[in-house]
Amino acid sequence: MADPLLRLRGLTKAYPGVIANDDVSFDIGTGEIHALLGENGAGKSTLVKMIYGLVAPDRGEMRMNGAPFAPPRPSAARSAGVAMVFQHFSLFDALDVAENVALGMEDPPKPRDLARQIREVSENYGLPLDPSRLVGTLSAGERQRVEIIRCLLQDPRLLIMDEPTSVLTPQEVEILFETLRKLKSEGTSILYISHKLEEIRSLCDTATILRLGKKVDTCTPAEKSARELAEMMVGASFATPEARAHDPGAVILSVSNLSLPAPGAFGTPLRDITFELRAGEVLGLGGVAGNGQDELLAALSGERLAPAGTIRLDGQDISRANPVARRDAGLLSAPEERLGHAAAPNMSLIENGVLTAARREGLVSNGLISWPKARAFAEKVIAQFDVRTPGPGTAARALSGGNLQKFVIGREILQRPRVLVVNQPTWGVDAAAAAAIRQALLDLAAEGAAILCISQDLDELMQISDRFGALNEGRLSTIHPVAGLSIEKIGLMMGGAHDMEVAHVAE
């Protein structure tokens, strides 16, 4: 390995009731792409926060190019050459690209000079951007480019990337990888966090594996299979999700000509959405982020009532029904945004269980919550979906993203829905947990429920879906059986190609 750019020795960080990092030591070489792997709650986020100056270690030391490195704040880390692209973008829709880039710089140049630099750097690294474009008009992939270019303008020595491909199409992933390999060839080191293990195998030189806060192994990813990497992360083998042979039953959910205006200046309108969903079927809907996924879930769940079109559940028109009435009828949903939408951050898991399961699980009687029943329901979700938490009284915001996701999905599945609409069911979840969630969805379908799975993870959709469609600018493509679909055909569907073009590729 090249001489270490960053050396970590004995890093330890504890919070009340949990040791997030326990004596972690490893090196990141100059010009190396280094993967950081681990289950949700393994300590990855805490570790990169220490490197980026967001938290201070309790013990241990870091050295950058041989010199002590202990940034008290992110600005100090950036001054030392550390940049970070976060999983959640920190951009303002109403500002243009150049203005957003300037907000992330300590001493931004004059607007004209900054615009020139953005054009030059973005074109040089194969990520072209127009500095004058409003961020609200950009796709998810283009927004990520803004975050990356903002980092590259700082000329970083270490670039930290957290789940960078979760919002990208397969074509955009290849462009990103070309950029990262170019940075590597120029001597930039990259610390790469992802749950997509095939990406790790093709891109990364070295992988450090964390488990329960400890470093358990270091390996060369290309020399391991994705399954071996996953089992190193969890410390045990796990089953690959398997669908049972079945024939879909009667139509449960029927959506006809559903149209909905955009929720705001930067939202996406739904345009004449029509599909049917049968008992025992998993219908997968793909698409690049921002093409109507959130709006479709809101229209189906009743959060927004569509002025045009019809939604029927078991033959009953529920188009004007509110979310509570739709839940009573058996249409349940789990939105993409965990904190603030799927779960109330400051409420406990017990209380978050009550929020959606009060009526279906009989947790409320005569207007009063039965706290023993509510606790028992939360404990059941925690146990059956392996939610890593000190207990059901823990606030939702205290859980790692993956563990909160397991709770949210489990909370809905255990209510035995007739129809479950789920957006990004395994987003940010490690391989073992993702396999468990997908198997739970397949088991639910095997019991006769109908599932609409909206996801940007094409591997996931191909693994669990019976049929596949794609959303593009609020329009739904023709739906095809998954069997026989190629990546090229899927790419055309996601890009909004007409049926004639898709059919031509199929031939």
Protein backbone atom coordinates (compact mmCIF):
# COMPACT_ATOMS: atom_id res chain seq x y z
CA MET A 1 0.00 0.00 0.00
CA ALA A 2 1.11 3.59 -0.60
CA ASP A 3 2.47 5.59 2.32
CA PRO A 4 -0.40 6.41 4.72
CA LEU A 5 -2.12 9.73 4.19
CA LEU A 6 -4.20 9.25 7.32
CA ARG A 7 -3.29 6.94 10.22
CA LEU A 8 -5.89 6.10 12.88
CA ARG A 9 -4.73 4.53 16.13
CA GLY A 10 -6.96 3.37 18.99
CA LEU A 11 -9.90 5.66 18.23
CA THR A 12 -12.57 5.24 20.87
CA LYS A 13 -15.84 7.12 21.28
CA ALA A 14 -18.59 6.27 23.76
CA TYR A 15 -22.09 7.62 24.26
CA PRO A 16 -24.44 6.82 27.15
CA GLY A 17 -25.22 3.12 26.90
CA VAL A 18 -23.14 2.39 23.80
CA ILE A 19 -19.52 2.33 22.66
CA ALA A 20 -19.73 3.62 19.10
CA ASN A 21 -16.02 3.03 18.30
CA ASP A 22 -13.80 0.75 20.35
CA ASP A 23 -10.02 0.97 19.78
CA VAL A 24 -10.25 1.33 15.98
CA SER A 25 -6.95 1.44 14.07
CA PHE A 26 -6.23 1.43 10.31
CA ASP A 27 -4.44 3.41 7.60
CA ILE A 28 -5.66 5.12 4.45
CA GLY A 29 -2.94 5.25 1.81
CA THR A 30 -2.21 8.15 -0.51
CA GLY A 31 -4.10 7.69 -3.75
CA GLU A 32 -6.13 4.79 -2.33
CA ILE A 33 -9.86 4.12 -2.51
CA HIS A 34 -10.58 2.65 0.91
CA ALA A 35 -13.97 1.14 1.75
CA LEU A 36 -15.46 1.34 5.22
CA LEU A 37 -17.95 -1.50 5.70
CA GLY A 38 -20.23 -2.53 8.53
CA GLU A 39 -23.79 -3.19 9.59
CA ASN A 40 -26.04 -0.32 10.60
CA GLY A 41 -24.84 0.77 14.02
CA ALA A 42 -21.35 -0.68 13.48
CA GLY A 43 -19.72 2.72 14.07
CA LYS A 44 -19.04 3.98 10.53
CA SER A 45 -20.79 7.33 10.95
CA THR A 46 -19.09 8.10 14.26
CA LEU A 47 -15.70 7.28 12.79
CA VAL A 48 -16.04 9.61 9.81
CA LYS A 49 -17.45 12.32 12.07
CA MET A 50 -14.20 12.18 14.08
CA ILE A 51 -12.13 12.44 10.89
CA TYR A 52 -14.25 15.37 9.68
CA GLY A 53 -14.16 17.23 13.01
CA LEU A 54 -17.82 16.84 13.94
CA VAL A 55 -17.06 14.90 17.13
CA ALA A 56 -13.89 14.44 19.20
CA PRO A 57 -12.60 10.97 20.14
CA ASP A 58 -12.47 10.03 23.81
CA ARG A 59 -9.16 8.23 23.24
CA GLY A 60 -6.75 7.51 20.43
CA GLU A 61 -5.02 9.66 17.86
CA MET A 62 -5.03 10.52 14.16
CA ARG A 63 -2.03 11.57 12.06
CA MET A 64 -2.20 13.21 8.63
CA ASN A 65 1.00 12.83 6.59
CA GLY A 66 2.79 11.98 9.83
CA ALA A 67 1.63 15.09 11.71
CA PRO A 68 -0.92 15.07 14.54
CA PHE A 69 -4.45 15.57 13.22
CA ALA A 70 -7.29 16.48 15.60
CA PRO A 71 -9.72 18.87 13.87
CA PRO A 72 -11.93 20.63 16.46
CA ARG A 73 -14.51 21.51 13.80
CA PRO A 74 -15.27 20.71 10.11
CA SER A 75 -13.67 23.94 8.91
CA ALA A 76 -10.36 22.80 10.43
CA ALA A 77 -10.70 19.41 8.71
CA ARG A 78 -11.39 21.13 5.38
CA SER A 79 -8.34 23.36 5.87
CA ALA A 80 -6.25 20.22 6.40
CA GLY A 81 -7.52 18.76 3.11
CA VAL A 82 -10.50 16.62 4.19
CA ALA A 83 -13.77 16.98 2.26
CA MET A 84 -17.00 15.06 2.68
CA VAL A 85 -20.01 14.32 0.47
CA PHE A 86 -22.84 13.45 2.84
CA GLN A 87 -25.58 10.92 2.16
CA HIS A 88 -28.20 13.66 2.58
CA PHE A 89 -27.61 16.67 0.36
CA SER A 90 -27.32 20.10 1.99
CA LEU A 91 -28.49 22.28 -0.89
CA PHE A 92 -31.00 25.12 -1.24
CA ASP A 93 -33.49 24.60 -4.08
CA ALA A 94 -34.14 28.31 -4.61
CA LEU A 95 -30.44 29.14 -5.14
CA ASP A 96 -28.40 28.40 -8.24
CA VAL A 97 -25.46 26.00 -8.43
CA ALA A 98 -22.79 28.68 -7.94
CA GLU A 99 -24.57 30.16 -4.91
CA ASN A 100 -24.86 26.72 -3.29
CA VAL A 101 -21.18 26.01 -3.95
CA ALA A 102 -20.19 29.37 -2.45
CA LEU A 103 -22.12 28.64 0.76
CA GLY A 104 -19.92 25.60 1.34
CA MET A 105 -16.61 27.44 0.92
CA GLU A 106 -14.64 29.23 3.63
CA ASP A 107 -13.51 32.05 1.32
CA PRO A 108 -15.39 31.88 -1.99
CA PRO A 109 -14.01 33.78 -4.98
CA LYS A 110 -15.95 36.44 -6.89
CA PRO A 111 -19.09 35.08 -8.57
CA ARG A 112 -17.66 35.33 -12.09
CA ASP A 113 -14.46 33.55 -11.09
CA LEU A 114 -16.39 30.89 -9.17
CA ALA A 115 -18.65 30.19 -12.16
CA ARG A 116 -15.57 29.74 -14.36
CA GLN A 117 -13.99 27.37 -11.82
CA ILE A 118 -17.17 25.31 -11.55
CA ARG A 119 -17.31 24.89 -15.33
CA GLU A 120 -13.64 23.99 -15.60
CA VAL A 121 -13.52 21.53 -12.70
CA SER A 122 -16.85 19.88 -13.52
CA GLU A 123 -15.89 19.34 -17.18
CA ASN A 124 -12.38 18.17 -16.27
CA TYR A 125 -13.83 15.42 -14.03
CA GLY A 126 -16.65 14.41 -16.37
CA LEU A 127 -19.40 15.93 -14.20
CA PRO A 128 -20.55 18.92 -16.28
CA LEU A 129 -22.61 21.55 -14.45
CA ASP A 130 -24.14 24.87 -15.42
CA PRO A 131 -23.36 27.27 -12.53
CA SER A 132 -26.45 29.35 -13.28
CA ARG A 133 -28.99 26.49 -13.03
CA LEU A 134 -31.39 26.59 -10.09
CA VAL A 135 -30.74 23.59 -7.85
CA GLY A 136 -34.47 22.97 -7.60
CA THR A 137 -34.51 22.10 -11.31
CA LEU A 138 -31.68 19.53 -11.06
CA SER A 139 -32.05 15.76 -10.95
CA ALA A 140 -30.76 13.85 -7.92
CA GLY A 141 -27.64 12.86 -9.86
CA GLU A 142 -26.96 16.48 -10.84
CA ARG A 143 -27.42 17.59 -7.22
CA GLN A 144 -24.79 15.10 -6.19
CA ARG A 145 -22.47 16.64 -8.77
CA VAL A 146 -22.91 19.99 -7.02
CA GLU A 147 -21.82 18.43 -3.71
CA ILE A 148 -18.83 16.72 -5.33
CA ILE A 149 -17.68 19.82 -7.25
CA ARG A 150 -17.98 21.89 -4.07
CA CYS A 151 -15.57 19.43 -2.45
CA LEU A 152 -13.20 19.26 -5.44
CA LEU A 153 -12.83 23.05 -5.54
CA GLN A 154 -11.16 22.70 -2.13
CA ASP A 155 -8.47 20.48 -3.73
CA PRO A 156 -8.91 17.77 -1.05
CA ARG A 157 -6.31 15.20 -0.10
CA LEU A 158 -9.00 12.94 1.41
CA LEU A 159 -12.55 12.76 0.05
CA ILE A 160 -15.13 10.98 2.23
CA MET A 161 -18.20 9.68 0.38
CA ASP A 162 -21.23 8.31 2.25
CA GLU A 163 -23.57 6.10 0.14
CA PRO A 164 -22.77 8.11 -3.01
CA THR A 165 -24.68 5.94 -5.51
CA SER A 166 -27.99 5.61 -3.69
CA VAL A 167 -29.68 8.20 -5.98
CA LEU A 168 -27.95 7.39 -9.28
CA THR A 169 -28.90 5.45 -12.39
CA PRO A 170 -26.51 2.70 -13.56
CA GLN A 171 -25.14 5.08 -16.21
CA GLU A 172 -24.52 7.81 -13.62
CA VAL A 173 -22.75 5.30 -11.35
CA GLU A 174 -20.26 4.55 -14.12
CA ILE A 175 -19.60 8.27 -14.63
CA LEU A 176 -19.01 8.71 -10.90
CA PHE A 177 -16.61 5.77 -10.79
CA GLU A 178 -14.61 7.23 -13.69
CA THR A 179 -14.33 10.47 -11.71
CA LEU A 180 -13.18 8.68 -8.56
CA ARG A 181 -10.58 6.69 -10.46
CA LYS A 182 -9.27 9.91 -12.02
CA LEU A 183 -8.99 11.47 -8.55
CA LYS A 184 -7.13 8.37 -7.36
CA SER A 185 -4.68 8.62 -10.26
CA GLU A 186 -3.96 12.21 -9.22
CA GLY A 187 -3.12 11.13 -5.67
CA THR A 188 -6.39 11.92 -3.89
CA SER A 189 -7.43 9.36 -1.26
CA ILE A 190 -11.08 8.36 -0.97
CA LEU A 191 -12.87 6.86 2.03
CA TYR A 192 -15.92 5.17 0.53
CA ILE A 193 -18.95 4.06 2.56
CA SER A 194 -21.56 1.93 0.81
CA HIS A 195 -23.81 -1.07 1.34
CA LYS A 196 -23.57 -1.99 -2.37
CA LEU A 197 -20.93 -4.67 -2.14
CA GLU A 198 -20.47 -5.31 -5.86
CA GLU A 199 -19.55 -1.63 -6.19
CA ILE A 200 -17.02 -2.03 -3.40
CA ARG A 201 -15.49 -5.04 -5.16
CA SER A 202 -15.08 -3.24 -8.48
CA LEU A 203 -13.93 0.15 -7.16
CA CYS A 204 -12.05 -0.12 -3.86
CA ASP A 205 -8.44 -1.14 -3.22
CA THR A 206 -8.87 -1.99 0.47
CA ALA A 207 -11.79 -2.51 2.85
CA THR A 208 -11.89 -2.11 6.61
CA ILE A 209 -14.78 -3.94 8.28
CA LEU A 210 -16.36 -2.71 11.50
CA ARG A 211 -18.66 -4.76 13.71
CA LEU A 212 -20.27 -3.43 16.89
CA GLY A 213 -17.79 -0.57 16.99
CA LYS A 214 -14.65 -2.71 16.60
CA LYS A 215 -12.46 -3.27 13.57
CA VAL A 216 -12.74 -6.97 12.79
CA ASP A 217 -10.88 -7.30 9.50
CA THR A 218 -9.13 -5.64 6.57
CA CYS A 219 -9.18 -7.18 3.10
CA THR A 220 -8.85 -6.62 -0.62
CA PRO A 221 -12.48 -6.50 -1.84
CA ALA A 222 -11.72 -7.84 -5.32
CA GLU A 223 -10.48 -11.05 -3.72
CA LYS A 224 -13.78 -11.63 -1.88
CA SER A 225 -17.30 -12.31 -3.11
CA ALA A 226 -20.09 -9.93 -2.16
CA ARG A 227 -21.52 -12.64 0.07
CA GLU A 228 -18.17 -13.13 1.84
CA LEU A 229 -17.94 -9.39 2.49
CA ALA A 230 -21.49 -9.35 3.88
CA GLU A 231 -20.78 -12.28 6.17
CA MET A 232 -17.60 -10.60 7.42
CA MET A 233 -19.74 -7.59 8.33
CA VAL A 234 -22.36 -9.52 10.28
CA GLY A 235 -20.13 -12.28 11.60
CA ALA A 236 -22.49 -15.00 10.37
CA SER A 237 -24.09 -16.36 7.24
CA PHE A 238 -27.57 -15.28 6.19
CA ALA A 239 -30.15 -16.46 3.71
CA THR A 240 -30.70 -14.92 0.29
CA PRO A 241 -34.33 -13.79 -0.14
CA GLU A 242 -36.43 -16.36 -1.98
CA ALA A 243 -39.87 -15.91 -3.47
CA ARG A 244 -42.27 -18.82 -3.35
CA ALA A 245 -43.79 -20.02 -6.59
CA HIS A 246 -47.21 -18.42 -6.93
CA ASP A 247 -49.86 -17.16 -9.31
CA PRO A 248 -51.15 -13.65 -8.54
CA GLY A 249 -54.75 -13.56 -7.36
CA ALA A 250 -57.55 -11.09 -7.89
CA VAL A 251 -56.97 -7.37 -8.41
CA ILE A 252 -56.81 -5.66 -5.01
CA LEU A 253 -55.68 -2.15 -5.96
CA SER A 254 -56.76 -0.45 -9.18
CA VAL A 255 -55.49 3.02 -10.10
CA SER A 256 -56.93 4.75 -13.17
CA ASN A 257 -55.83 8.03 -14.79
CA LEU A 258 -54.43 9.42 -11.53
CA SER A 259 -53.14 12.98 -11.91
CA LEU A 260 -51.88 15.34 -9.22
CA PRO A 261 -50.33 18.82 -9.45
CA ALA A 262 -46.77 19.31 -8.22
CA PRO A 263 -46.68 19.99 -4.46
CA GLY A 264 -44.50 23.07 -4.96
CA ALA A 265 -42.21 24.92 -7.30
CA PHE A 266 -39.73 22.04 -7.39
CA GLY A 267 -42.01 19.04 -7.04
CA THR A 268 -43.17 16.65 -9.77
CA PRO A 269 -46.78 16.39 -10.99
CA LEU A 270 -48.30 12.96 -11.51
CA ARG A 271 -49.57 12.51 -15.06
CA ASP A 272 -52.31 10.00 -15.84
CA ILE A 273 -51.00 7.09 -13.71
CA THR A 274 -52.78 3.80 -14.39
CA PHE A 275 -51.97 0.31 -13.07
CA GLU A 276 -53.43 -2.73 -11.29
CA LEU A 277 -51.97 -4.65 -8.36
CA ARG A 278 -53.00 -8.22 -7.59
CA ALA A 279 -53.05 -10.33 -4.43
CA GLY A 280 -49.71 -11.99 -3.81
CA GLU A 281 -47.90 -9.76 -6.30
CA VAL A 282 -44.90 -7.47 -5.88
CA LEU A 283 -44.95 -4.64 -8.43
CA GLY A 284 -41.62 -2.82 -8.59
CA LEU A 285 -41.43 0.80 -9.71
CA GLY A 286 -38.00 2.18 -10.56
CA GLY A 287 -36.81 5.64 -11.51
CA VAL A 288 -34.23 8.28 -10.73
CA ALA A 289 -35.06 10.25 -7.58
CA GLY A 290 -37.37 13.20 -8.13
CA ASN A 291 -39.56 11.70 -10.86
CA GLY A 292 -42.76 11.43 -8.85
CA GLN A 293 -42.01 8.67 -6.35
CA ASP A 294 -42.87 10.70 -3.24
CA GLU A 295 -45.91 12.21 -4.93
CA LEU A 296 -47.27 8.78 -5.90
CA LEU A 297 -46.93 7.46 -2.36
CA ALA A 298 -48.68 10.59 -1.02
CA ALA A 299 -51.54 10.14 -3.51
CA LEU A 300 -52.00 6.46 -2.67
CA SER A 301 -51.72 6.90 1.11
CA GLY A 302 -54.23 9.77 1.13
CA GLU A 303 -51.79 12.43 2.30
CA ARG A 304 -52.72 14.34 -0.87
CA LEU A 305 -56.05 13.89 -2.62
CA ALA A 306 -55.73 13.74 -6.39
CA PRO A 307 -58.21 15.98 -8.26
CA ALA A 308 -58.31 13.57 -11.22
CA GLY A 309 -58.38 9.80 -11.44
CA THR A 310 -59.74 6.90 -9.41
CA ILE A 311 -58.23 4.65 -6.72
CA ARG A 312 -60.12 1.46 -5.89
CA LEU A 313 -59.27 -0.95 -3.06
CA ASP A 314 -61.06 -4.30 -3.29
CA GLY A 315 -63.51 -2.64 -5.67
CA GLN A 316 -64.32 0.21 -3.29
CA ASP A 317 -63.61 3.77 -4.46
CA ILE A 318 -61.25 5.32 -1.88
CA SER A 319 -60.19 8.30 -4.02
CA ARG A 320 -61.59 10.82 -1.51
CA ALA A 321 -60.79 8.84 1.65
CA ASN A 322 -58.32 10.27 4.16
CA PRO A 323 -55.19 8.39 5.34
CA VAL A 324 -56.92 6.97 8.43
CA ALA A 325 -59.80 5.56 6.38
CA ARG A 326 -57.38 4.04 3.87
CA ARG A 327 -55.41 2.40 6.68
CA ASP A 328 -58.63 1.03 8.16
CA ALA A 329 -59.41 -0.46 4.74
CA GLY A 330 -55.98 -2.10 4.61
CA LEU A 331 -53.84 0.24 2.46
CA LEU A 332 -50.67 0.95 4.46
CA SER A 333 -47.54 2.83 3.44
CA ALA A 334 -43.95 3.46 4.46
CA PRO A 335 -42.44 6.65 2.99
CA GLU A 336 -38.81 7.20 2.04
CA GLU A 337 -38.03 9.95 4.55
CA ARG A 338 -37.56 8.20 7.88
CA LEU A 339 -37.20 11.06 10.34
CA GLY A 340 -40.05 13.55 10.22
CA HIS A 341 -42.29 11.58 7.85
CA ALA A 342 -42.20 7.88 8.70
CA ALA A 343 -41.25 8.56 12.34
CA ALA A 344 -41.44 11.48 14.75
CA PRO A 345 -37.80 12.11 15.78
CA ASN A 346 -38.34 12.98 19.44
CA MET A 347 -40.97 10.34 20.13
CA SER A 348 -40.07 6.91 21.48
CA LEU A 349 -40.42 3.76 19.41
CA ILE A 350 -43.48 2.92 21.52
CA GLU A 351 -45.10 6.22 20.58
CA ASN A 352 -44.08 5.87 16.94
CA GLY A 353 -45.76 2.48 16.90
CA VAL A 354 -48.97 4.05 18.18
CA LEU A 355 -48.89 6.72 15.45
CA THR A 356 -49.74 4.25 12.67
CA ALA A 357 -50.89 1.09 14.45
CA ALA A 358 -53.31 2.54 17.03
CA ARG A 359 -56.49 1.34 15.32
CA ARG A 360 -55.30 -1.78 13.47
CA GLU A 361 -53.55 -3.17 16.57
CA GLY A 362 -56.16 -2.03 19.10
CA LEU A 363 -53.71 0.15 21.02
CA VAL A 364 -56.35 2.78 21.86
CA SER A 365 -59.61 2.22 23.73
CA ASN A 366 -62.17 4.93 24.52
CA GLY A 367 -59.65 7.56 23.49
CA LEU A 368 -56.96 6.28 25.87
CA ILE A 369 -53.71 4.61 24.85
CA SER A 370 -53.06 1.17 26.32
CA TRP A 371 -49.37 1.62 27.06
CA PRO A 372 -48.77 -2.07 27.91
CA LYS A 373 -50.18 -3.05 24.49
CA ALA A 374 -48.23 -0.27 22.80
CA ARG A 375 -45.00 -1.39 24.46
CA ALA A 376 -45.67 -5.02 23.53
CA PHE A 377 -46.25 -4.05 19.88
CA ALA A 378 -43.00 -2.04 19.74
CA GLU A 379 -41.10 -4.91 21.38
CA LYS A 380 -42.54 -7.32 18.81
CA VAL A 381 -41.30 -5.14 15.93
CA ILE A 382 -37.87 -4.79 17.57
CA ALA A 383 -37.55 -8.54 18.09
CA GLN A 384 -38.85 -9.74 14.72
CA PHE A 385 -36.89 -7.18 12.67
CA ASP A 386 -33.68 -7.17 14.75
CA VAL A 387 -33.82 -3.45 15.54
CA ARG A 388 -30.63 -2.59 17.45
CA THR A 389 -31.77 -0.25 20.23
CA PRO A 390 -31.41 -0.05 24.02
CA GLY A 391 -35.18 -0.50 24.31
CA PRO A 392 -38.64 0.52 23.04
CA GLY A 393 -38.50 3.74 25.06
CA THR A 394 -35.60 5.03 22.95
CA ALA A 395 -36.32 8.11 20.83
CA ALA A 396 -36.46 7.49 17.07
CA ARG A 397 -33.71 10.02 16.40
CA ALA A 398 -31.28 8.04 18.58
CA LEU A 399 -31.34 5.03 16.22
CA SER A 400 -29.01 4.65 13.26
CA GLY A 401 -30.72 5.20 9.94
CA GLY A 402 -30.75 1.51 9.07
CA ASN A 403 -32.20 0.44 12.41
CA LEU A 404 -34.94 3.06 12.22
CA GLN A 405 -35.71 1.80 8.71
CA LYS A 406 -36.10 -1.74 10.05
CA PHE A 407 -38.50 -0.46 12.70
CA VAL A 408 -40.59 1.55 10.22
CA ILE A 409 -40.92 -1.33 7.74
CA GLY A 410 -41.57 -3.88 10.48
CA ARG A 411 -44.23 -1.67 12.06
CA GLU A 412 -46.22 -1.70 8.82
CA ILE A 413 -45.72 -5.36 7.90
CA LEU A 414 -46.84 -6.59 11.33
CA GLN A 415 -50.17 -4.79 10.83
CA ARG A 416 -51.02 -7.32 8.07
CA PRO A 417 -51.94 -4.89 5.27
CA ARG A 418 -54.04 -5.78 2.25
CA VAL A 419 -51.81 -3.43 0.23
CA LEU A 420 -48.40 -2.12 1.28
CA VAL A 421 -46.89 0.80 -0.60
CA VAL A 422 -43.25 1.22 0.35
CA ASN A 423 -40.68 3.71 -0.96
CA GLN A 424 -36.98 2.79 -0.69
CA PRO A 425 -37.51 -0.12 1.76
CA THR A 426 -33.80 -0.90 2.21
CA TRP A 427 -32.25 2.54 1.64
CA GLY A 428 -29.07 2.87 3.73
CA VAL A 429 -29.53 -0.62 5.21
CA ASP A 430 -26.69 -3.17 5.37
CA ALA A 431 -26.71 -6.37 3.33
CA ALA A 432 -28.04 -8.70 6.02
CA ALA A 433 -30.79 -6.30 7.10
CA ALA A 434 -31.72 -5.63 3.46
CA ALA A 435 -32.03 -9.36 2.85
CA ALA A 436 -34.28 -9.69 5.91
CA ILE A 437 -36.53 -6.81 4.84
CA ARG A 438 -36.85 -8.16 1.29
CA GLN A 439 -37.70 -11.61 2.61
CA ALA A 440 -40.33 -10.09 4.90
CA LEU A 441 -41.91 -8.35 1.89
CA LEU A 442 -41.89 -11.60 -0.09
CA ASP A 443 -43.42 -13.47 2.86
CA LEU A 444 -46.13 -10.81 3.15
CA ALA A 445 -46.93 -11.24 -0.55
CA ALA A 446 -47.00 -15.03 -0.12
CA GLU A 447 -49.71 -14.53 2.50
CA GLY A 448 -51.86 -12.76 -0.10
CA ALA A 449 -50.99 -9.08 0.34
CA ALA A 450 -50.29 -6.87 -2.67
CA ILE A 451 -47.05 -4.88 -2.54
CA LEU A 452 -46.03 -1.81 -4.48
CA CYS A 453 -42.26 -1.39 -4.01
CA ILE A 454 -40.82 1.93 -5.18
CA SER A 455 -37.04 1.82 -5.21
CA GLN A 456 -33.95 3.25 -6.86
CA ASP A 457 -32.10 -0.02 -6.23
CA LEU A 458 -32.56 -1.96 -9.46
CA ASP A 459 -30.96 -5.11 -8.04
CA GLU A 460 -33.57 -5.04 -5.29
CA LEU A 461 -36.46 -4.63 -7.73
CA MET A 462 -35.21 -7.41 -9.98
CA GLN A 463 -34.84 -9.72 -6.97
CA ILE A 464 -38.29 -9.35 -5.43
CA SER A 465 -40.65 -8.04 -8.15
CA ASP A 466 -43.02 -9.96 -10.39
CA ARG A 467 -43.51 -6.99 -12.73
CA PHE A 468 -41.58 -3.77 -13.29
CA GLY A 469 -42.45 -0.23 -14.36
CA ALA A 470 -40.56 3.06 -14.28
CA LEU A 471 -41.51 6.62 -13.32
CA ASN A 472 -40.18 9.46 -15.44
CA GLU A 473 -41.32 13.07 -14.94
CA GLY A 474 -44.45 11.84 -13.19
CA ARG A 475 -45.43 9.40 -15.94
CA LEU A 476 -45.56 5.62 -15.53
CA SER A 477 -44.13 3.44 -18.27
CA THR A 478 -45.80 0.34 -19.60
CA ILE A 479 -45.40 -2.39 -16.97
CA HIS A 480 -43.49 -5.52 -18.03
CA PRO A 481 -42.84 -8.90 -16.40
CA VAL A 482 -39.43 -8.92 -14.73
CA ALA A 483 -38.43 -12.12 -16.50
CA GLY A 484 -36.45 -11.20 -19.59
CA LEU A 485 -35.89 -7.53 -18.76
CA SER A 486 -32.36 -6.31 -19.57
CA ILE A 487 -30.49 -3.42 -17.93
CA GLU A 488 -30.55 -1.58 -21.27
CA LYS A 489 -34.32 -1.95 -21.50
CA ILE A 490 -34.74 -0.82 -17.90
CA GLY A 491 -32.53 2.20 -18.58
CA LEU A 492 -34.73 3.19 -21.52
CA MET A 493 -37.85 2.86 -19.36
CA MET A 494 -36.30 5.02 -16.62
CA GLY A 495 -35.30 7.60 -19.21
CA GLY A 496 -38.86 7.94 -20.48
CA ALA A 497 -38.40 6.11 -23.79
CA HIS A 498 -41.52 5.32 -25.76
CA ASP A 499 -42.83 1.77 -25.82
CA MET A 500 -41.70 1.30 -29.43
CA GLU A 501 -38.07 1.97 -28.43
CA VAL A 502 -38.27 -0.38 -25.45
CA ALA A 503 -39.84 -3.10 -27.56
CA HIS A 504 -37.10 -2.70 -30.16
CA VAL A 505 -34.43 -3.30 -27.48
CA ALA A 506 -36.34 -6.32 -26.20
CA GLU A 507 -36.16 -7.85 -29.66
